[in-house]
Amino acid sequence: MIQRIQSVYLAIITILCGLVFVFPFGEITIPNGSVIMDGFSIISQDSKITAELFKPWPVTILALLAALLAPACIAQFKNRTLQMKMCRLNALFLLGLIFSMFYLIDKAQAMFEGMQIEAEIHYGIGTYLPLLAVVLNILATRAIKKDDKLVRSADRLR
């Protein structure tokens, strides 16, 4: 149901996964510019030229899947076992999102180190949003289990 606390948690997860596309998840500072990484692109902004290095497809796909699975999980309020399974799957998507963000940051830094360019990493707010979403996903799963236990105990009394 919509008024349950797990629905609030899952709605916030949807918002946080959407904000991954708004806020950059990393910035690498190089001597003559910087590289900004967000959910759609990884762009090098030199003092004279702006160029896209590569697309962060894993981040884009996993953030979209996690953002779309959370409302689908809310809609399954009548089938709590399926709702718990969907929350666990969403946790895997969120963990994959976190892993892919750090992998892409490391890949970009290794690319600059291979060219003998000194690079300094700055993690953006977009890096911490999926971490918060994982915590909220755990809380939502616990709340669903608690509701399931309550319903099962009420069924025993009948």
Protein backbone atom coordinates (compact mmCIF):
# COMPACT_ATOMS: atom_id res chain seq x y z
CA MET A 1 0.00 0.00 0.00
CA ILE A 2 1.06 3.56 -0.55
CA GLN A 3 0.94 4.61 3.12
CA ARG A 4 3.47 2.00 4.23
CA ILE A 5 6.98 3.09 5.19
CA GLN A 6 8.58 0.81 2.60
CA SER A 7 6.74 2.73 -0.11
CA VAL A 8 8.37 5.92 1.12
CA TYR A 9 11.78 4.24 1.12
CA LEU A 10 11.28 2.91 -2.40
CA ALA A 11 10.05 6.29 -3.67
CA ILE A 12 13.18 7.94 -2.26
CA ILE A 13 15.30 5.26 -3.98
CA THR A 14 13.64 6.19 -7.28
CA ILE A 15 14.46 9.86 -6.72
CA LEU A 16 18.06 9.11 -5.71
CA CYS A 17 18.63 6.96 -8.80
CA GLY A 18 17.21 9.74 -10.96
CA LEU A 19 19.56 12.25 -9.34
CA VAL A 20 22.52 10.14 -10.48
CA PHE A 21 21.90 11.65 -13.93
CA VAL A 22 21.87 15.21 -12.54
CA PHE A 23 24.89 15.25 -10.24
CA PRO A 24 28.37 14.18 -11.39
CA PHE A 25 29.75 11.10 -9.67
CA GLY A 26 33.37 12.02 -10.20
CA GLU A 27 35.77 14.65 -11.38
CA ILE A 28 39.38 14.10 -12.29
CA THR A 29 41.53 17.21 -12.23
CA ILE A 30 44.40 17.27 -14.69
CA PRO A 31 46.96 20.08 -15.10
CA ASN A 32 45.23 21.85 -18.00
CA GLY A 33 41.56 20.99 -17.34
CA SER A 34 39.26 18.43 -15.81
CA VAL A 35 37.18 15.35 -16.61
CA ILE A 36 33.60 15.41 -15.38
CA MET A 37 31.73 12.10 -15.06
CA ASP A 38 27.96 11.88 -14.79
CA GLY A 39 25.29 9.35 -15.66
CA PHE A 40 25.21 10.28 -19.35
CA SER A 41 28.79 11.07 -20.33
CA ILE A 42 32.40 11.38 -19.34
CA ILE A 43 33.61 14.69 -20.72
CA SER A 44 37.11 16.12 -20.78
CA GLN A 45 37.14 19.89 -20.44
CA ASP A 46 40.56 21.22 -21.32
CA SER A 47 41.33 24.89 -21.39
CA LYS A 48 40.63 25.01 -25.15
CA ILE A 49 38.74 21.83 -26.11
CA THR A 50 35.76 19.93 -24.70
CA ALA A 51 35.55 16.30 -25.82
CA GLU A 52 33.62 13.24 -24.74
CA LEU A 53 36.00 10.46 -23.74
CA PHE A 54 33.59 7.51 -23.53
CA LYS A 55 30.00 6.69 -22.56
CA PRO A 56 29.29 5.32 -19.08
CA TRP A 57 26.80 2.70 -20.31
CA PRO A 58 26.92 0.50 -17.19
CA VAL A 59 26.10 3.46 -14.95
CA THR A 60 23.29 4.62 -17.23
CA ILE A 61 21.67 1.20 -17.57
CA LEU A 62 21.96 0.20 -13.91
CA ALA A 63 20.68 3.56 -12.66
CA LEU A 64 17.67 3.31 -15.00
CA LEU A 65 16.94 -0.27 -13.95
CA ALA A 66 17.15 0.60 -10.26
CA ALA A 67 15.01 3.70 -10.74
CA LEU A 68 12.34 1.73 -12.62
CA LEU A 69 12.34 -1.33 -10.37
CA ALA A 70 11.63 0.61 -7.17
CA PRO A 71 8.17 1.89 -8.28
CA ALA A 72 7.40 -1.56 -9.68
CA CYS A 73 8.22 -2.90 -6.25
CA ILE A 74 5.77 -0.45 -4.68
CA ALA A 75 3.05 -1.70 -7.02
CA GLN A 76 3.50 -5.28 -5.74
CA PHE A 77 2.13 -4.48 -2.27
CA LYS A 78 -0.36 -7.38 -2.40
CA ASN A 79 2.34 -9.97 -3.13
CA ARG A 80 4.94 -9.41 -0.42
CA THR A 81 7.16 -12.35 -1.36
CA LEU A 82 7.52 -11.01 -4.90
CA GLN A 83 8.05 -7.54 -3.46
CA MET A 84 10.93 -8.83 -1.30
CA LYS A 85 12.50 -10.59 -4.29
CA MET A 86 12.23 -7.42 -6.36
CA CYS A 87 13.89 -5.44 -3.55
CA ARG A 88 16.74 -7.92 -3.44
CA LEU A 89 17.16 -7.63 -7.20
CA ASN A 90 17.14 -3.86 -6.86
CA ALA A 91 19.90 -4.16 -4.24
CA LEU A 92 21.99 -6.06 -6.79
CA PHE A 93 21.38 -3.32 -9.37
CA LEU A 94 22.39 -0.66 -6.85
CA LEU A 95 25.55 -2.52 -5.85
CA GLY A 96 26.39 -2.98 -9.53
CA LEU A 97 25.84 0.76 -10.02
CA ILE A 98 28.26 1.58 -7.22
CA PHE A 99 30.84 -0.87 -8.56
CA SER A 100 30.55 0.48 -12.11
CA MET A 101 30.96 4.09 -10.92
CA PHE A 102 34.18 3.31 -9.12
CA TYR A 103 35.37 1.17 -12.03
CA LEU A 104 34.83 4.02 -14.53
CA ILE A 105 36.57 6.51 -12.27
CA ASP A 106 39.52 4.13 -11.95
CA LYS A 107 39.52 3.47 -15.72
CA ALA A 108 39.65 7.19 -16.51
CA GLN A 109 42.42 7.76 -13.98
CA ALA A 110 44.41 4.84 -15.41
CA MET A 111 43.98 6.31 -18.89
CA PHE A 112 45.59 9.57 -17.76
CA GLU A 113 48.35 7.78 -15.85
CA GLY A 114 49.10 5.80 -19.02
CA MET A 115 49.62 9.12 -20.84
CA GLN A 116 51.95 10.29 -18.02
CA ILE A 117 49.47 12.97 -16.89
CA GLU A 118 49.09 13.61 -13.19
CA ALA A 119 45.43 13.24 -12.22
CA GLU A 120 43.61 13.94 -8.96
CA ILE A 121 40.23 12.30 -8.20
CA HIS A 122 37.34 14.13 -6.57
CA TYR A 123 34.23 12.06 -5.83
CA GLY A 124 31.01 13.89 -6.50
CA ILE A 125 27.65 13.76 -4.77
CA GLY A 126 26.46 11.29 -7.40
CA THR A 127 28.78 8.68 -5.89
CA TYR A 128 27.07 8.81 -2.52
CA LEU A 129 23.48 8.70 -3.80
CA PRO A 130 23.53 4.95 -4.63
CA LEU A 131 25.12 4.23 -1.24
CA LEU A 132 22.18 5.94 0.45
CA ALA A 133 19.81 4.07 -1.87
CA VAL A 134 21.30 0.73 -0.76
CA VAL A 135 20.67 1.62 2.88
CA LEU A 136 17.09 2.62 2.08
CA ASN A 137 16.63 -0.60 0.12
CA ILE A 138 17.72 -2.62 3.15
CA LEU A 139 15.26 -0.68 5.32
CA ALA A 140 12.47 -1.28 2.79
CA THR A 141 13.20 -5.02 2.72
CA ARG A 142 13.08 -5.15 6.51
CA ALA A 143 9.76 -3.30 6.56
CA ILE A 144 8.30 -5.69 3.98
CA LYS A 145 9.44 -8.68 6.06
CA LYS A 146 7.89 -7.10 9.14
CA ASP A 147 4.55 -6.63 7.32
CA ASP A 148 4.66 -10.19 6.03
CA LYS A 149 5.29 -11.51 9.52
CA LEU A 150 2.40 -9.43 10.88
CA VAL A 151 -0.02 -10.71 8.23
CA ARG A 152 1.07 -14.31 8.76
CA SER A 153 0.54 -14.01 12.51
CA ALA A 154 -2.94 -12.58 11.94
CA ASP A 155 -3.73 -15.47 9.60
CA ARG A 156 -2.73 -17.96 12.29
CA LEU A 157 -5.27 -16.49 14.70
CA ARG A 158 -8.17 -17.02 12.32
